[in-house]
Amino acid sequence: MTASEPQPVRIAVDLLGGDEAPAVVVDGVLTALDIDPLLTVLLAAPRADAERAIASAPRGSRARLSVAPAGEAVAMEGAALAVRAQEDATVRVALRALRDGAADGVVTIGSTGAAIAAAVLDLGRLPDVERPALAVVVPSSAGPLVLLDVGAGIRADPSLLVDHGLLGAAYAVAVLGIDVPRLGLLSTGTEVGKGGPGRREAAERLAAACAGLPVTFVGNVEGQHVPLGGPADVVVTDGLVGNALLKGIEGSIEMIRRRTGMVPGFARDAGRAAVLLGVPGTVIVGHGAADGEDVAACVGLAAESFRHGTGGAVSERYAEFVRGRGAVDLTESPEVVGR
């Protein structure tokens, strides 16, 4: 196979994840198969559910669908804890297929907490990653922008924001092709010192970490800089704020659609598929309320990420950033703002 030839790809899909599963998942998978003739899909589900899905597929697509027998999906309530005991959960079976080489990527639109807990359990974390982060590429007015974390966790520790900022910068290099990404910290104003003590300390730490790297820390950015773009290529925040911001953008887009019948072109794909950064492998997490088109977008992103070697490129660049991060260590410094 030459470098220019399309590459076959195998994606494991959690068939029972999502609010309207399995119907919307099946619709999305069939759409993805129709778009990509070299795609095959492994359905992680109870055999009866998977076989019904395969039987409903057009005859030409059935040969590209197979079954990874699993139990039930993890319930949304208490999912992050329940997934540990539920080894045959659909999301865990899909992730083990990735781990064991039976799949090249995983897609789930089930519980985000379950997906992240399962990914850490079955795949582990990259070296020097304390906690994975969910990232989305927002097609802002000024160009694509990486926003993270958008829901993997609610902690806002300064050290975690630094780690996630560097993960986002590595993703911007690998996916957006930006040699020296501009990294911004989401806060309540652009002025130095804005935000609470944790945000101020995070800004200090990010500035110090980026000092020795091909990453430009631009300081604080505000919420409007995500859909509009401009000052930063990567915006880092905690998962609670990031998730709320992303859903606010989605709600605004839906309001425009209802009032005008149109969706702004730049915002058409905003937030449809999030990539889990910090784990070894391609894991794509969609919104629980996703429709078939959203699921197809998730599968397409998983296939594209594998074909372009995104996971390996992010891992390598992040490792370089960790090795080369600025020599200024603020951990013990009494001058850190807010300490």
Protein backbone atom coordinates (compact mmCIF):
# COMPACT_ATOMS: atom_id res chain seq x y z
CA MET A 1 0.00 0.00 0.00
CA THR A 2 1.39 3.39 -0.98
CA ALA A 3 1.07 6.45 1.20
CA SER A 4 -1.51 7.92 -1.22
CA GLU A 5 -3.87 4.92 -1.09
CA PRO A 6 -6.81 5.01 1.32
CA GLN A 7 -6.29 2.81 4.34
CA PRO A 8 -8.84 0.29 5.64
CA VAL A 9 -9.94 1.08 9.18
CA ARG A 10 -11.86 -0.82 11.87
CA ILE A 11 -13.92 1.15 14.39
CA ALA A 12 -15.54 -0.42 17.46
CA VAL A 13 -18.86 1.26 18.28
CA ASP A 14 -20.77 1.11 21.55
CA LEU A 15 -24.16 0.17 20.09
CA LEU A 16 -26.17 0.84 23.24
CA GLY A 17 -24.66 4.18 24.25
CA GLY A 18 -26.79 7.32 23.94
CA ASP A 19 -30.28 8.54 24.68
CA GLU A 20 -31.85 7.03 21.56
CA ALA A 21 -29.69 3.92 21.18
CA PRO A 22 -29.54 1.64 19.37
CA ALA A 23 -31.63 3.25 16.60
CA VAL A 24 -29.57 6.44 16.09
CA VAL A 25 -26.30 4.53 16.48
CA VAL A 26 -27.33 2.11 13.74
CA ASP A 27 -28.37 5.03 11.51
CA GLY A 28 -25.03 6.74 12.07
CA VAL A 29 -22.99 3.61 11.47
CA LEU A 30 -24.80 2.89 8.20
CA THR A 31 -24.25 6.46 7.05
CA ALA A 32 -20.55 6.19 7.89
CA LEU A 33 -20.26 2.90 5.98
CA ASP A 34 -21.93 4.49 2.97
CA ILE A 35 -19.49 7.42 3.04
CA ASP A 36 -16.34 5.35 3.60
CA PRO A 37 -16.03 2.14 1.52
CA LEU A 38 -12.91 1.01 3.42
CA LEU A 39 -14.55 1.26 6.85
CA THR A 40 -15.60 -1.79 8.87
CA VAL A 41 -17.47 -1.54 12.17
CA LEU A 42 -17.41 -3.81 15.19
CA LEU A 43 -20.66 -3.48 17.16
CA ALA A 44 -20.15 -3.90 20.92
CA ALA A 45 -23.54 -5.09 22.14
CA PRO A 46 -25.54 -8.12 23.27
CA ARG A 47 -25.46 -10.50 20.31
CA ALA A 48 -29.22 -10.28 19.69
CA ASP A 49 -29.10 -6.46 19.47
CA ALA A 50 -26.10 -6.50 17.18
CA GLU A 51 -27.57 -9.14 14.90
CA ARG A 52 -30.81 -7.15 14.57
CA ALA A 53 -28.74 -4.12 13.61
CA ILE A 54 -26.83 -6.11 11.00
CA ALA A 55 -30.04 -7.60 9.60
CA SER A 56 -31.47 -4.08 9.15
CA ALA A 57 -28.46 -2.95 7.13
CA PRO A 58 -28.46 -2.90 3.33
CA ARG A 59 -27.15 -6.17 1.97
CA GLY A 60 -24.00 -4.55 0.64
CA SER A 61 -23.04 -3.24 4.10
CA ARG A 62 -23.65 -6.36 6.16
CA ALA A 63 -20.27 -7.91 5.40
CA ARG A 64 -18.60 -4.85 6.91
CA LEU A 65 -20.39 -5.24 10.24
CA SER A 66 -19.38 -7.70 12.95
CA VAL A 67 -20.21 -8.37 16.59
CA ALA A 68 -18.22 -8.02 19.81
CA PRO A 69 -20.56 -9.73 22.30
CA ALA A 70 -21.19 -7.61 25.38
CA GLY A 71 -23.64 -7.11 28.20
CA GLU A 72 -25.75 -4.03 28.72
CA ALA A 73 -24.78 -0.37 28.54
CA VAL A 74 -23.75 1.37 31.74
CA ALA A 75 -26.61 3.32 33.31
CA MET A 76 -26.11 7.10 33.27
CA GLU A 77 -26.54 7.50 37.03
CA GLY A 78 -23.34 6.62 38.89
CA ALA A 79 -21.78 5.44 35.62
CA ALA A 80 -18.17 6.27 36.43
CA LEU A 81 -18.27 3.98 39.46
CA ALA A 82 -20.53 1.30 37.99
CA VAL A 83 -18.32 0.75 34.95
CA ARG A 84 -15.53 -0.61 37.16
CA ALA A 85 -17.65 -3.57 38.21
CA GLN A 86 -19.36 -4.05 34.85
CA GLU A 87 -16.57 -5.66 32.84
CA ASP A 88 -18.93 -6.76 30.06
CA ALA A 89 -20.40 -3.28 29.57
CA THR A 90 -20.61 -2.32 25.92
CA VAL A 91 -18.13 0.55 26.24
CA ARG A 92 -15.57 -1.66 27.99
CA VAL A 93 -15.88 -4.39 25.36
CA ALA A 94 -15.33 -1.79 22.63
CA LEU A 95 -12.26 -0.40 24.40
CA ARG A 96 -10.75 -3.84 24.94
CA ALA A 97 -11.14 -4.47 21.20
CA LEU A 98 -8.98 -1.40 20.65
CA ARG A 99 -6.50 -2.46 23.32
CA ASP A 100 -6.19 -5.99 21.89
CA GLY A 101 -5.76 -4.89 18.28
CA ALA A 102 -9.20 -5.93 17.00
CA ALA A 103 -10.15 -2.29 16.33
CA ASP A 104 -8.34 0.90 15.34
CA GLY A 105 -10.59 3.28 17.26
CA VAL A 106 -13.65 3.46 19.51
CA VAL A 107 -16.82 5.54 19.34
CA THR A 108 -19.36 5.91 22.14
CA ILE A 109 -22.19 8.35 22.73
CA GLY A 110 -23.01 6.84 26.11
CA SER A 111 -22.15 8.20 29.54
CA THR A 112 -19.08 10.43 29.36
CA GLY A 113 -18.06 9.46 32.89
CA ALA A 114 -18.29 5.76 32.03
CA ALA A 115 -16.32 6.23 28.82
CA ILE A 116 -13.46 8.01 30.57
CA ALA A 117 -13.35 5.63 33.53
CA ALA A 118 -13.41 2.65 31.16
CA ALA A 119 -10.69 4.13 28.95
CA VAL A 120 -8.38 4.60 31.94
CA LEU A 121 -9.16 1.09 33.20
CA ASP A 122 -8.73 -0.73 29.88
CA LEU A 123 -6.21 1.45 28.03
CA GLY A 124 -4.36 3.29 30.79
CA ARG A 125 -2.96 6.82 30.52
CA LEU A 126 -0.08 8.28 28.58
CA PRO A 127 3.06 8.94 30.63
CA ASP A 128 2.86 12.21 32.60
CA VAL A 129 -0.92 12.50 32.14
CA GLU A 130 -2.73 12.73 35.46
CA ARG A 131 -6.22 12.75 33.95
CA PRO A 132 -7.41 12.59 30.33
CA ALA A 133 -9.27 15.52 28.79
CA LEU A 134 -12.01 15.78 26.19
CA ALA A 135 -11.23 18.14 23.34
CA VAL A 136 -13.32 19.46 20.46
CA VAL A 137 -12.31 21.44 17.42
CA VAL A 138 -14.62 24.45 17.26
CA PRO A 139 -14.94 25.86 13.73
CA SER A 140 -14.74 29.46 14.94
CA SER A 141 -15.24 32.45 12.68
CA ALA A 142 -11.48 33.00 12.56
CA GLY A 143 -10.60 29.36 11.91
CA PRO A 144 -10.52 26.06 13.80
CA LEU A 145 -9.81 26.23 17.52
CA VAL A 146 -9.19 23.46 20.08
CA LEU A 147 -11.29 23.73 23.25
CA LEU A 148 -10.65 21.49 26.26
CA ASP A 149 -11.68 20.12 28.71
CA VAL A 150 -15.34 19.86 27.66
CA GLY A 151 -16.54 17.32 30.17
CA ALA A 152 -13.97 14.75 31.24
CA GLY A 153 -13.77 16.18 34.78
CA ILE A 154 -14.71 19.18 36.87
CA ARG A 155 -11.39 19.73 38.64
CA ALA A 156 -9.71 23.06 37.99
CA ASP A 157 -6.35 22.41 39.68
CA PRO A 158 -3.67 24.69 38.20
CA SER A 159 -1.39 21.72 37.54
CA LEU A 160 -4.19 19.92 35.67
CA LEU A 161 -4.92 22.99 33.57
CA VAL A 162 -1.25 23.11 32.59
CA ASP A 163 -1.24 19.43 31.60
CA HIS A 164 -4.43 19.84 29.59
CA GLY A 165 -3.18 23.02 27.97
CA LEU A 166 -0.11 21.18 26.70
CA LEU A 167 -2.25 18.25 25.52
CA GLY A 168 -4.42 20.71 23.60
CA ALA A 169 -1.37 22.36 22.10
CA ALA A 170 -0.03 18.96 21.01
CA TYR A 171 -3.39 18.21 19.39
CA ALA A 172 -3.34 21.56 17.57
CA VAL A 173 0.09 20.74 16.15
CA ALA A 174 -0.97 17.22 15.08
CA VAL A 175 -4.44 18.02 13.72
CA LEU A 176 -4.46 21.68 12.75
CA GLY A 177 -0.86 21.74 11.55
CA ILE A 178 0.04 24.79 13.64
CA ASP A 179 3.78 24.73 14.35
CA VAL A 180 3.62 27.18 17.26
CA PRO A 181 0.07 27.13 18.68
CA ARG A 182 -1.23 30.04 20.73
CA LEU A 183 -2.60 28.82 24.05
CA GLY A 184 -5.14 30.80 26.08
CA LEU A 185 -6.67 30.24 29.52
CA LEU A 186 -10.42 30.82 29.73
CA SER A 187 -11.17 33.38 32.41
CA THR A 188 -13.48 36.26 33.30
CA GLY A 189 -11.39 38.88 31.55
CA THR A 190 -8.26 39.24 29.46
CA GLU A 191 -6.40 41.37 32.00
CA VAL A 192 -3.57 39.81 34.00
CA GLY A 193 -4.83 38.68 37.40
CA LYS A 194 -8.44 38.04 36.34
CA GLY A 195 -10.22 35.02 37.80
CA GLY A 196 -9.98 33.41 41.20
CA PRO A 197 -6.77 32.33 42.92
CA GLY A 198 -6.69 29.01 41.06
CA ARG A 199 -7.02 30.69 37.67
CA ARG A 200 -4.33 33.22 38.51
CA GLU A 201 -1.96 30.47 39.59
CA ALA A 202 -2.77 28.46 36.46
CA ALA A 203 -1.88 31.48 34.32
CA GLU A 204 1.48 31.80 36.10
CA ARG A 205 2.19 28.12 35.65
CA LEU A 206 1.17 28.08 31.99
CA ALA A 207 3.42 31.05 31.25
CA ALA A 208 6.32 29.30 32.95
CA ALA A 209 5.67 25.95 31.27
CA CYS A 210 5.46 27.45 27.78
CA ALA A 211 8.63 29.52 28.20
CA GLY A 212 10.81 26.73 26.84
CA LEU A 213 8.38 25.37 24.25
CA PRO A 214 7.16 26.13 20.73
CA VAL A 215 3.87 27.18 22.33
CA THR A 216 2.89 30.81 22.86
CA PHE A 217 0.90 31.45 26.01
CA VAL A 218 -1.30 34.44 25.19
CA GLY A 219 -2.74 34.78 28.70
CA ASN A 220 -6.42 34.99 29.54
CA VAL A 221 -9.16 34.78 26.93
CA GLU A 222 -12.92 35.18 27.33
CA GLY A 223 -15.90 33.08 26.32
CA GLN A 224 -16.61 34.98 23.10
CA HIS A 225 -13.12 34.16 21.85
CA VAL A 226 -14.14 30.52 21.40
CA PRO A 227 -16.92 30.88 18.77
CA LEU A 228 -15.33 34.00 17.26
CA GLY A 229 -11.68 32.92 17.45
CA GLY A 230 -8.83 35.38 17.23
CA PRO A 231 -6.36 35.47 20.11
CA ALA A 232 -5.77 31.71 20.59
CA ASP A 233 -5.61 28.43 18.69
CA VAL A 234 -6.16 26.43 21.90
CA VAL A 235 -8.35 27.41 24.84
CA VAL A 236 -8.03 25.45 28.08
CA THR A 237 -10.45 25.37 30.99
CA ASP A 238 -11.94 22.85 33.42
CA GLY A 239 -14.55 20.36 32.28
CA LEU A 240 -17.48 22.01 34.01
CA VAL A 241 -16.90 25.41 32.42
CA GLY A 242 -15.90 23.94 29.06
CA ASN A 243 -18.97 21.74 28.87
CA ALA A 244 -21.26 24.63 29.82
CA LEU A 245 -19.64 26.89 27.22
CA LEU A 246 -19.90 24.28 24.48
CA LYS A 247 -23.58 23.62 25.23
CA GLY A 248 -24.22 27.35 25.30
CA ILE A 249 -22.74 27.62 21.81
CA GLU A 250 -24.86 24.66 20.67
CA GLY A 251 -27.97 26.27 22.13
CA SER A 252 -27.25 29.55 20.34
CA ILE A 253 -26.82 27.71 17.06
CA GLU A 254 -30.15 25.93 17.58
CA MET A 255 -31.88 29.23 18.38
CA ILE A 256 -30.60 30.70 15.11
CA ARG A 257 -31.79 27.62 13.24
CA ARG A 258 -35.27 27.84 14.71
CA ARG A 259 -35.59 31.55 13.99
CA THR A 260 -34.08 31.61 10.52
CA GLY A 261 -34.22 28.03 9.31
CA MET A 262 -30.47 28.14 8.74
CA VAL A 263 -27.36 27.11 10.66
CA PRO A 264 -24.28 29.36 10.44
CA GLY A 265 -21.83 27.60 8.16
CA PHE A 266 -18.90 27.99 10.56
CA ALA A 267 -20.90 26.36 13.37
CA ARG A 268 -22.41 23.41 11.54
CA ASP A 269 -20.08 20.81 13.08
CA ALA A 270 -19.43 22.46 16.45
CA GLY A 271 -19.16 19.95 19.27
CA ARG A 272 -20.39 16.90 17.33
CA ALA A 273 -17.44 14.72 18.27
CA ALA A 274 -14.92 15.03 21.09
CA VAL A 275 -11.59 13.23 21.22
CA LEU A 276 -10.27 11.84 24.50
CA LEU A 277 -6.69 13.08 24.89
CA GLY A 278 -4.24 11.45 27.28
CA VAL A 279 -4.96 7.78 26.56
CA PRO A 280 -3.09 5.47 24.16
CA GLY A 281 -5.50 5.05 21.27
CA THR A 282 -8.28 6.77 19.36
CA VAL A 283 -11.38 7.26 21.53
CA ILE A 284 -14.19 9.51 20.30
CA VAL A 285 -17.05 10.53 22.59
CA GLY A 286 -20.26 12.02 21.21
CA HIS A 287 -23.16 13.81 22.86
CA GLY A 288 -25.74 11.54 24.50
CA ALA A 289 -28.47 13.31 22.54
CA ALA A 290 -26.67 12.74 19.23
CA ASP A 291 -28.63 11.93 16.09
CA GLY A 292 -27.54 9.67 13.26
CA GLU A 293 -25.55 12.40 11.51
CA ASP A 294 -23.68 13.12 14.73
CA VAL A 295 -22.83 9.44 15.19
CA ALA A 296 -21.57 9.28 11.61
CA ALA A 297 -19.40 12.33 12.32
CA CYS A 298 -17.94 10.56 15.36
CA VAL A 299 -17.15 7.44 13.33
CA GLY A 300 -15.65 9.57 10.59
CA LEU A 301 -13.42 11.40 13.06
CA ALA A 302 -12.25 8.11 14.56
CA ALA A 303 -11.36 6.78 11.11
CA GLU A 304 -9.62 10.00 10.09
CA SER A 305 -7.65 10.12 13.35
CA PHE A 306 -6.38 6.58 12.87
CA ARG A 307 -5.46 7.08 9.23
CA HIS A 308 -3.51 10.24 10.01
CA GLY A 309 -1.78 8.74 13.04
CA THR A 310 -3.20 11.49 15.23
CA GLY A 311 -2.93 9.56 18.49
CA GLY A 312 0.75 8.78 18.04
CA ALA A 313 1.55 12.31 16.88
CA VAL A 314 -0.18 13.83 19.92
CA SER A 315 1.60 11.43 22.27
CA GLU A 316 5.00 12.24 20.80
CA ARG A 317 4.49 15.98 20.82
CA TYR A 318 3.10 15.98 24.35
CA ALA A 319 6.12 13.99 25.54
CA GLU A 320 8.38 16.58 23.88
CA PHE A 321 6.49 19.37 25.61
CA VAL A 322 6.82 17.68 29.01
CA ARG A 323 10.57 17.23 28.51
CA GLY A 324 11.09 20.78 27.28
CA ARG A 325 8.67 22.75 29.45
CA GLY A 326 10.01 25.96 30.97
CA ALA A 327 12.62 25.69 33.66
CA VAL A 328 10.76 27.99 36.04
CA ASP A 329 9.20 25.80 38.76
CA LEU A 330 6.43 27.58 40.60
CA THR A 331 5.46 24.69 42.85
CA GLU A 332 7.29 26.03 45.86
CA SER A 333 7.37 29.69 44.93
CA PRO A 334 5.77 32.03 47.47
CA GLU A 335 5.43 34.66 44.72
CA VAL A 336 2.75 32.72 42.86
CA VAL A 337 -0.38 34.89 42.75
CA GLY A 338 -3.10 33.50 44.95
CA ARG A 339 -0.96 31.13 47.03
